[in-house]
Amino acid sequence: MSRILRRLLSHSSTGTSTPRAIEQLTSRVTLIRALPSGPFSKEDSNTYLVGEGAQRILIDTGTGHPSYLPTLAGYLKEKDASLSHILLTHAHGNHTHGLVAIWRTFGTALPVYKLKSSQDDIKLSGNNKTKAEPKPSFLKDGQTIRSLDGSSSLKVLHTPGHSQDSVCFHLLEEDSMFTGDAVSSAPHGPTRPTHAVFEDLDAYRRSLQKITRQFPKILYPGHGALVANPTAYLESARECQNVLALAIHNILGQSGKPMSAEAIAVEIDQAQQLRLSDIELPVLIGTVKHHLLEMEAQTFIRRSHGLESESSRAGTTNGSGVDPSKLKGPGGLTLEQIYSKVTESNRRDWSDMNRQERSQVLDQTSWREQQHPLHVRIPLRKETTWVLA
């Protein structure tokens, strides 16, 4: 076992102890955690400094929590270092909300890189039109970004699935990989993965294969503990989707009647023998919908439109005996209540701050994604029900 691997294994915890905000993982890699940004962001986000010299590369910029920027700046000052590049694994807010404040603090000449996606054509500044914001340069699959001191080389791998613009950065000198949310060990650590959050199931599977073919020795995810056994872990991610597809097929077969995606997800959520029951219900429903569409294309199942009765359209049932308006998620809230509260949360996260602090945070978080992957519009009506083909 290599010296680097032995050292990293000591950091591959299962979440039983409180993680430190800053951890020096190798001579080239430093982990800096960003605290959750509000009541609906439950997980820390991992950001990484890469390099050994006075100019470091920052991978992702955190959640926008006010504690992050002083932590980052303090560490760099201690090391007599600064930033040379900012690389983004993708543009979701819990990885980019700290970008604007970092960019302004360390200089507006600081280059920002991400993979181009369709959402990059949308103006990102929102109502904050008078203040400068970063204009990212766009990465290309296979491109290599090098630290200014030449100690670190990061090869770009386009790994869509979690999002259209997801990339991984392969640190060639250590054969490790920064995966963002293309592979994430949260929320239960690498021993209890859920592998449930993606926008495109087929692209997600292909990206897992692409990462596997690089044979990385360590994965540095966007959330949770590092993954010290990437081959087995990536296989578990693929197997998780196979288990879910089989569960959906079995539930429809045992039911003998049409069922909605919501009703199928409730059945899976209640099956405690499945690891998938660790997934929160709103996330699981979206994942089930992706599988239903794939299984329909493979002609394993078909839609049953005959049960879209007047009572279904009125919202009293979804054709499977489950009232969608009464499905409960975390905290006992209905799904409608959860989505409503998530929509409002950005305005409420910092309500206990004074005006100056709140203004600073709004500056930090103005560069944000247009849509969270959990809320991506999957082309299915609530009333759609399914049966085996």
Protein backbone atom coordinates (compact mmCIF):
# COMPACT_ATOMS: atom_id res chain seq x y z
CA MET A 1 0.00 0.00 0.00
CA SER A 2 1.39 3.40 -0.98
CA ARG A 3 2.26 6.07 1.58
CA ILE A 4 -0.38 8.41 0.10
CA LEU A 5 -3.08 5.73 0.27
CA ARG A 6 -2.27 4.87 3.91
CA ARG A 7 -2.52 8.52 4.84
CA LEU A 8 -5.79 8.98 3.00
CA LEU A 9 -7.39 5.91 4.54
CA SER A 10 -7.13 7.62 7.91
CA HIS A 11 -9.46 10.32 6.53
CA SER A 12 -12.00 7.90 5.03
CA SER A 13 -14.38 8.00 7.98
CA THR A 14 -17.95 6.75 8.15
CA GLY A 15 -19.25 9.93 9.65
CA THR A 16 -19.08 8.90 13.30
CA SER A 17 -16.93 11.88 14.33
CA THR A 18 -17.24 15.56 13.62
CA PRO A 19 -15.15 16.42 10.54
CA ARG A 20 -12.66 19.27 10.67
CA ALA A 21 -13.19 22.32 8.45
CA ILE A 22 -9.69 22.00 6.94
CA GLU A 23 -7.75 18.80 6.31
CA GLN A 24 -4.40 18.43 4.56
CA LEU A 25 -4.95 15.17 2.69
CA THR A 26 -1.71 14.97 0.68
CA SER A 27 1.11 17.35 -0.14
CA ARG A 28 -0.97 18.52 -3.12
CA VAL A 29 -4.54 18.30 -1.82
CA THR A 30 -6.26 20.24 0.97
CA LEU A 31 -9.93 19.75 1.81
CA ILE A 32 -11.91 22.80 3.00
CA ARG A 33 -15.51 22.11 3.96
CA ALA A 34 -18.30 24.64 3.47
CA LEU A 35 -21.12 24.45 5.99
CA PRO A 36 -24.70 24.05 4.78
CA SER A 37 -26.17 27.34 3.61
CA GLY A 38 -29.60 27.07 5.18
CA PRO A 39 -32.35 24.82 6.56
CA PHE A 40 -32.79 22.98 3.26
CA SER A 41 -29.08 22.35 2.65
CA LYS A 42 -28.30 19.50 5.02
CA GLU A 43 -24.82 18.53 3.90
CA ASP A 44 -21.42 20.17 4.00
CA SER A 45 -19.94 20.77 0.56
CA ASN A 46 -16.35 19.78 -0.08
CA THR A 47 -13.97 22.17 -1.81
CA TYR A 48 -10.34 21.41 -2.54
CA LEU A 49 -7.12 23.35 -2.92
CA VAL A 50 -4.68 21.70 -5.31
CA GLY A 51 -0.98 22.46 -5.69
CA GLU A 52 2.19 22.77 -3.63
CA GLY A 53 3.43 26.26 -4.44
CA ALA A 54 2.33 29.81 -3.74
CA GLN A 55 -0.49 29.64 -6.31
CA ARG A 56 -3.21 27.05 -5.70
CA ILE A 57 -6.13 25.81 -7.78
CA LEU A 58 -9.53 25.88 -6.03
CA ILE A 59 -12.03 23.19 -7.01
CA ASP A 60 -15.59 24.35 -6.26
CA THR A 61 -16.51 27.31 -4.07
CA GLY A 62 -18.95 25.98 -1.50
CA THR A 63 -22.40 26.90 -0.32
CA GLY A 64 -21.99 30.63 0.33
CA HIS A 65 -22.00 30.17 4.10
CA PRO A 66 -20.38 33.26 5.68
CA SER A 67 -17.77 31.19 7.52
CA TYR A 68 -16.22 29.77 4.36
CA LEU A 69 -14.45 32.79 2.90
CA PRO A 70 -12.57 33.68 6.13
CA THR A 71 -11.59 30.02 6.51
CA LEU A 72 -10.24 29.84 2.97
CA ALA A 73 -8.48 33.21 3.17
CA GLY A 74 -6.98 32.40 6.57
CA TYR A 75 -5.56 29.11 5.38
CA LEU A 76 -4.02 30.65 2.26
CA LYS A 77 -2.49 33.45 4.33
CA GLU A 78 -1.01 30.89 6.72
CA LYS A 79 0.58 29.10 3.75
CA ASP A 80 1.66 32.39 2.13
CA ALA A 81 -0.35 31.34 -0.93
CA SER A 82 -3.11 32.64 -3.17
CA LEU A 83 -5.40 31.36 -5.91
CA SER A 84 -4.44 30.92 -9.55
CA HIS A 85 -7.62 29.26 -10.91
CA ILE A 86 -11.14 28.37 -9.85
CA LEU A 87 -12.51 25.15 -11.35
CA LEU A 88 -16.17 24.19 -11.00
CA THR A 89 -17.33 20.59 -11.14
CA HIS A 90 -20.81 21.84 -12.06
CA ALA A 91 -22.99 24.91 -11.55
CA HIS A 92 -25.34 23.78 -8.79
CA GLY A 93 -25.57 26.30 -5.99
CA ASN A 94 -24.07 24.25 -3.18
CA HIS A 95 -20.86 24.21 -5.22
CA THR A 96 -20.94 27.76 -6.63
CA HIS A 97 -22.61 30.04 -4.10
CA GLY A 98 -19.25 31.13 -2.73
CA LEU A 99 -17.88 32.01 -6.15
CA VAL A 100 -18.69 35.70 -6.41
CA ALA A 101 -17.30 36.62 -2.98
CA ILE A 102 -14.11 34.60 -3.58
CA TRP A 103 -13.65 36.10 -7.02
CA ARG A 104 -14.01 39.65 -5.72
CA THR A 105 -11.78 39.00 -2.71
CA PHE A 106 -8.88 37.44 -4.61
CA GLY A 107 -9.14 39.66 -7.68
CA THR A 108 -11.45 39.88 -10.66
CA ALA A 109 -8.62 38.76 -12.95
CA LEU A 110 -8.84 35.32 -11.31
CA PRO A 111 -9.91 32.89 -14.07
CA VAL A 112 -12.97 30.71 -13.55
CA TYR A 113 -13.50 27.50 -15.52
CA LYS A 114 -16.49 25.23 -16.01
CA LEU A 115 -17.97 23.05 -18.72
CA LYS A 116 -20.46 24.83 -20.97
CA SER A 117 -24.11 23.86 -20.73
CA SER A 118 -27.38 25.19 -22.10
CA GLN A 119 -27.95 27.16 -18.89
CA ASP A 120 -24.81 29.22 -19.48
CA ASP A 121 -26.82 31.24 -21.99
CA ILE A 122 -29.05 32.44 -19.14
CA LYS A 123 -27.92 35.67 -17.47
CA LEU A 124 -26.59 34.65 -14.09
CA SER A 125 -26.60 37.95 -12.27
CA GLY A 126 -30.34 38.02 -11.56
CA ASN A 127 -31.34 41.38 -10.06
CA ASN A 128 -27.76 42.22 -9.13
CA LYS A 129 -27.04 43.90 -12.48
CA THR A 130 -24.76 46.67 -11.25
CA LYS A 131 -21.99 44.47 -9.85
CA ALA A 132 -19.42 42.50 -11.80
CA GLU A 133 -19.65 38.73 -11.88
CA PRO A 134 -17.29 36.09 -13.24
CA LYS A 135 -17.49 35.19 -16.90
CA PRO A 136 -16.23 31.61 -16.96
CA SER A 137 -13.99 30.13 -19.59
CA PHE A 138 -15.33 26.83 -20.82
CA LEU A 139 -13.56 23.54 -20.26
CA LYS A 140 -13.26 20.78 -22.84
CA ASP A 141 -13.31 17.06 -22.25
CA GLY A 142 -9.72 15.82 -22.15
CA GLN A 143 -8.22 19.24 -21.46
CA THR A 144 -5.49 19.48 -18.81
CA ILE A 145 -5.20 22.36 -16.32
CA ARG A 146 -1.79 22.68 -14.62
CA SER A 147 -0.84 24.50 -11.46
CA LEU A 148 1.53 27.40 -12.02
CA ASP A 149 4.33 25.67 -10.10
CA GLY A 150 4.00 22.59 -12.33
CA SER A 151 3.35 20.26 -9.39
CA SER A 152 -0.22 19.31 -10.27
CA SER A 153 -1.99 18.38 -13.52
CA LEU A 154 -5.78 18.09 -13.63
CA LYS A 155 -7.31 16.31 -16.62
CA VAL A 156 -10.95 17.17 -17.37
CA LEU A 157 -13.48 14.35 -17.79
CA HIS A 158 -16.97 15.30 -18.89
CA THR A 159 -19.24 13.13 -16.73
CA PRO A 160 -22.87 14.19 -17.31
CA GLY A 161 -25.75 12.54 -15.53
CA HIS A 162 -26.02 14.34 -12.23
CA SER A 163 -26.12 17.50 -14.33
CA GLN A 164 -25.45 18.38 -17.94
CA ASP A 165 -22.24 20.22 -17.07
CA SER A 166 -20.78 17.79 -14.51
CA VAL A 167 -17.04 17.15 -14.81
CA CYS A 168 -14.41 15.27 -12.84
CA PHE A 169 -10.81 16.39 -12.47
CA HIS A 170 -8.19 13.63 -12.61
CA LEU A 171 -5.09 14.56 -10.60
CA LEU A 172 -2.54 12.72 -12.71
CA GLU A 173 0.40 12.91 -10.30
CA GLU A 174 -1.52 11.05 -7.57
CA ASP A 175 -4.00 9.13 -9.74
CA SER A 176 -6.89 10.54 -7.71
CA MET A 177 -10.08 12.16 -8.94
CA PHE A 178 -12.26 15.07 -7.81
CA THR A 179 -15.78 13.98 -8.73
CA GLY A 180 -18.12 16.75 -7.57
CA ASP A 181 -21.57 15.18 -7.53
CA ALA A 182 -20.89 12.83 -10.44
CA VAL A 183 -19.93 10.46 -7.60
CA SER A 184 -20.87 11.51 -4.10
CA SER A 185 -20.51 9.61 -0.84
CA ALA A 186 -23.14 11.67 1.00
CA PRO A 187 -25.42 11.48 2.87
CA HIS A 188 -24.41 8.24 4.60
CA GLY A 189 -20.71 7.96 3.83
CA PRO A 190 -18.98 5.56 1.44
CA THR A 191 -20.25 2.48 3.30
CA ARG A 192 -23.92 3.38 2.68
CA PRO A 193 -24.17 5.11 -0.68
CA THR A 194 -27.50 6.02 -2.23
CA HIS A 195 -26.50 7.05 -5.77
CA ALA A 196 -29.88 8.61 -6.44
CA VAL A 197 -29.48 12.17 -7.67
CA PHE A 198 -29.17 12.66 -11.40
CA GLU A 199 -30.87 14.37 -14.31
CA ASP A 200 -30.12 11.77 -16.98
CA LEU A 201 -30.00 8.08 -16.04
CA ASP A 202 -28.35 6.83 -19.22
CA ALA A 203 -25.67 9.54 -19.13
CA TYR A 204 -25.11 8.82 -15.43
CA ARG A 205 -24.42 5.14 -16.14
CA ARG A 206 -22.04 5.97 -18.98
CA SER A 207 -20.19 8.45 -16.77
CA LEU A 208 -19.69 5.82 -14.07
CA GLN A 209 -18.10 3.58 -16.69
CA LYS A 210 -15.93 6.43 -17.93
CA ILE A 211 -14.64 7.12 -14.42
CA THR A 212 -14.02 3.42 -13.81
CA ARG A 213 -11.89 3.16 -16.97
CA GLN A 214 -9.48 5.74 -15.51
CA PHE A 215 -8.70 3.36 -12.59
CA PRO A 216 -8.37 6.14 -9.97
CA LYS A 217 -6.95 5.13 -6.59
CA ILE A 218 -8.93 7.72 -4.59
CA LEU A 219 -12.16 9.65 -5.22
CA TYR A 220 -12.62 13.07 -3.66
CA PRO A 221 -16.41 13.66 -3.77
CA GLY A 222 -18.38 16.88 -3.55
CA HIS A 223 -20.00 15.75 -0.29
CA GLY A 224 -19.09 13.24 2.38
CA ALA A 225 -15.98 11.19 3.01
CA LEU A 226 -13.37 10.34 0.40
CA VAL A 227 -13.68 6.99 -1.35
CA ALA A 228 -10.61 4.78 -0.93
CA ASN A 229 -11.96 1.80 -2.93
CA PRO A 230 -13.20 3.42 -6.17
CA THR A 231 -13.65 0.23 -8.22
CA ALA A 232 -15.98 -1.41 -5.70
CA TYR A 233 -17.72 1.86 -4.97
CA LEU A 234 -18.46 2.63 -8.63
CA GLU A 235 -19.73 -0.92 -9.07
CA SER A 236 -22.09 -0.36 -6.12
CA ALA A 237 -23.37 2.79 -7.84
CA ARG A 238 -24.21 0.79 -10.97
CA GLU A 239 -25.71 -2.05 -8.95
CA CYS A 240 -27.90 0.41 -7.03
CA GLN A 241 -29.69 1.30 -10.26
CA ASN A 242 -30.12 -2.37 -11.18
CA VAL A 243 -31.65 -3.05 -7.76
CA LEU A 244 -34.02 -0.13 -8.17
CA ALA A 245 -35.14 -1.24 -11.65
CA LEU A 246 -35.79 -4.76 -10.35
CA ALA A 247 -37.70 -3.39 -7.35
CA ILE A 248 -39.94 -1.33 -9.64
CA HIS A 249 -40.61 -4.35 -11.85
CA ASN A 250 -41.43 -6.58 -8.87
CA ILE A 251 -43.72 -4.00 -7.24
CA LEU A 252 -45.72 -3.57 -10.45
CA GLY A 253 -45.92 -7.34 -10.87
CA GLN A 254 -47.08 -7.96 -7.31
CA SER A 255 -49.57 -5.09 -7.37
CA GLY A 256 -51.55 -6.36 -10.32
CA LYS A 257 -52.91 -2.87 -10.85
CA PRO A 258 -51.62 0.39 -12.32
CA MET A 259 -49.41 2.43 -10.02
CA SER A 260 -47.98 5.94 -10.15
CA ALA A 261 -44.32 6.82 -9.65
CA GLU A 262 -45.20 8.27 -6.25
CA ALA A 263 -46.93 5.07 -5.13
CA ILE A 264 -44.02 2.92 -6.32
CA ALA A 265 -41.57 5.15 -4.46
CA VAL A 266 -43.64 4.81 -1.27
CA GLU A 267 -43.48 1.01 -1.59
CA ILE A 268 -39.69 1.12 -2.01
CA ASP A 269 -39.36 3.62 0.84
CA GLN A 270 -41.21 1.23 3.14
CA ALA A 271 -39.09 -1.79 2.11
CA GLN A 272 -36.53 -1.55 4.88
CA GLN A 273 -34.48 -4.43 3.48
CA LEU A 274 -33.52 -2.19 0.55
CA ARG A 275 -30.63 0.23 0.92
CA LEU A 276 -32.73 2.49 -1.26
CA SER A 277 -34.91 3.23 1.75
CA ASP A 278 -32.09 5.55 2.90
CA ILE A 279 -33.05 7.94 0.08
CA GLU A 280 -35.42 10.73 1.05
CA LEU A 281 -38.80 10.30 -0.59
CA PRO A 282 -38.80 13.36 -2.90
CA VAL A 283 -35.41 12.30 -4.27
CA LEU A 284 -36.55 8.70 -4.65
CA ILE A 285 -39.67 9.72 -6.59
CA GLY A 286 -37.57 11.55 -9.17
CA THR A 287 -35.19 8.59 -9.46
CA VAL A 288 -38.12 6.19 -9.93
CA LYS A 289 -39.49 8.41 -12.70
CA HIS A 290 -36.21 8.24 -14.59
CA HIS A 291 -36.31 4.45 -14.35
CA LEU A 292 -39.93 4.27 -15.46
CA LEU A 293 -39.13 6.22 -18.61
CA GLU A 294 -36.15 3.97 -19.34
CA MET A 295 -38.15 0.78 -18.71
CA GLU A 296 -40.92 2.09 -20.95
CA ALA A 297 -38.42 2.67 -23.77
CA GLN A 298 -37.20 -0.91 -23.26
CA THR A 299 -40.86 -2.10 -23.48
CA PHE A 300 -40.76 -3.74 -20.03
CA ILE A 301 -43.65 -1.57 -18.82
CA ARG A 302 -46.31 0.63 -20.37
CA ARG A 303 -48.43 3.53 -19.31
CA SER A 304 -52.02 2.93 -18.25
CA HIS A 305 -53.97 6.00 -19.24
CA GLY A 306 -57.37 4.45 -18.55
CA LEU A 307 -57.16 5.19 -14.84
CA GLU A 308 -56.78 8.94 -15.33
CA SER A 309 -60.33 9.25 -14.12
CA GLU A 310 -62.21 12.33 -13.01
CA SER A 311 -61.26 11.57 -9.41
CA SER A 312 -57.59 11.34 -10.42
CA ARG A 313 -57.70 14.64 -12.29
CA ALA A 314 -59.44 16.20 -9.30
CA GLY A 315 -56.47 15.18 -7.18
CA THR A 316 -58.27 12.70 -4.90
CA THR A 317 -56.20 9.67 -6.00
CA ASN A 318 -53.47 8.85 -8.44
CA GLY A 319 -54.94 5.56 -9.62
CA SER A 320 -53.08 3.45 -7.10
CA GLY A 321 -54.95 4.23 -3.91
CA VAL A 322 -52.44 6.86 -2.78
CA ASP A 323 -53.44 10.51 -2.61
CA PRO A 324 -50.46 12.51 -3.98
CA SER A 325 -51.33 15.50 -1.82
CA LYS A 326 -50.88 13.36 1.30
CA LEU A 327 -47.53 11.78 0.47
CA LYS A 328 -45.11 12.79 3.20
CA GLY A 329 -41.40 13.51 2.98
CA PRO A 330 -38.82 14.68 5.55
CA GLY A 331 -40.28 16.36 8.62
CA GLY A 332 -43.77 15.07 7.88
CA LEU A 333 -44.31 17.68 5.14
CA THR A 334 -46.22 16.87 1.99
CA LEU A 335 -44.28 16.98 -1.25
CA GLU A 336 -46.07 20.17 -2.29
CA GLN A 337 -45.08 21.81 0.99
CA ILE A 338 -41.46 20.70 0.58
CA TYR A 339 -41.13 22.12 -2.92
CA SER A 340 -42.80 25.34 -1.84
CA LYS A 341 -40.46 25.73 1.10
CA VAL A 342 -37.38 24.95 -0.99
CA THR A 343 -38.44 27.66 -3.43
CA GLU A 344 -38.72 30.15 -0.58
CA SER A 345 -35.64 29.05 1.36
CA ASN A 346 -33.12 31.31 -0.37
CA ARG A 347 -35.06 34.32 0.91
CA ARG A 348 -35.27 32.92 4.45
CA ASP A 349 -31.85 31.34 5.00
CA TRP A 350 -30.28 34.51 6.35
CA SER A 351 -33.26 36.23 7.95
CA ASP A 352 -31.50 36.35 11.32
CA MET A 353 -28.59 38.40 9.96
CA ASN A 354 -28.30 42.14 9.99
CA ARG A 355 -28.70 44.07 6.75
CA GLN A 356 -24.97 44.37 6.03
CA GLU A 357 -24.31 40.66 6.55
CA ARG A 358 -27.36 39.75 4.48
CA SER A 359 -26.19 41.97 1.63
CA GLN A 360 -22.79 40.27 1.68
CA VAL A 361 -24.35 36.82 1.49
CA LEU A 362 -26.64 37.84 -1.37
CA ASP A 363 -23.54 38.99 -3.22
CA GLN A 364 -21.95 35.60 -2.57
CA THR A 365 -24.95 33.62 -3.73
CA SER A 366 -26.07 35.59 -6.78
CA TRP A 367 -24.16 33.26 -9.13
CA ARG A 368 -26.40 30.23 -8.77
CA GLU A 369 -27.92 27.44 -10.78
CA GLN A 370 -31.28 27.95 -12.48
CA GLN A 371 -32.67 24.63 -11.31
CA HIS A 372 -31.70 22.07 -8.69
CA PRO A 373 -31.39 18.52 -10.03
CA LEU A 374 -34.05 17.32 -7.60
CA HIS A 375 -36.49 19.74 -9.21
CA VAL A 376 -35.65 19.10 -12.85
CA ARG A 377 -38.81 18.81 -14.90
CA ILE A 378 -39.30 15.13 -15.72
CA PRO A 379 -41.94 14.82 -18.47
CA LEU A 380 -44.51 12.87 -16.47
CA ARG A 381 -47.89 13.94 -15.14
CA LYS A 382 -48.81 13.01 -11.58
CA GLU A 383 -51.79 11.08 -12.95
CA THR A 384 -49.65 8.81 -15.13
CA THR A 385 -49.83 5.21 -13.96
CA TRP A 386 -47.87 2.15 -15.04
CA VAL A 387 -48.32 -1.59 -15.54
CA LEU A 388 -46.09 -4.38 -16.80
CA ALA A 389 -46.08 -4.69 -20.58
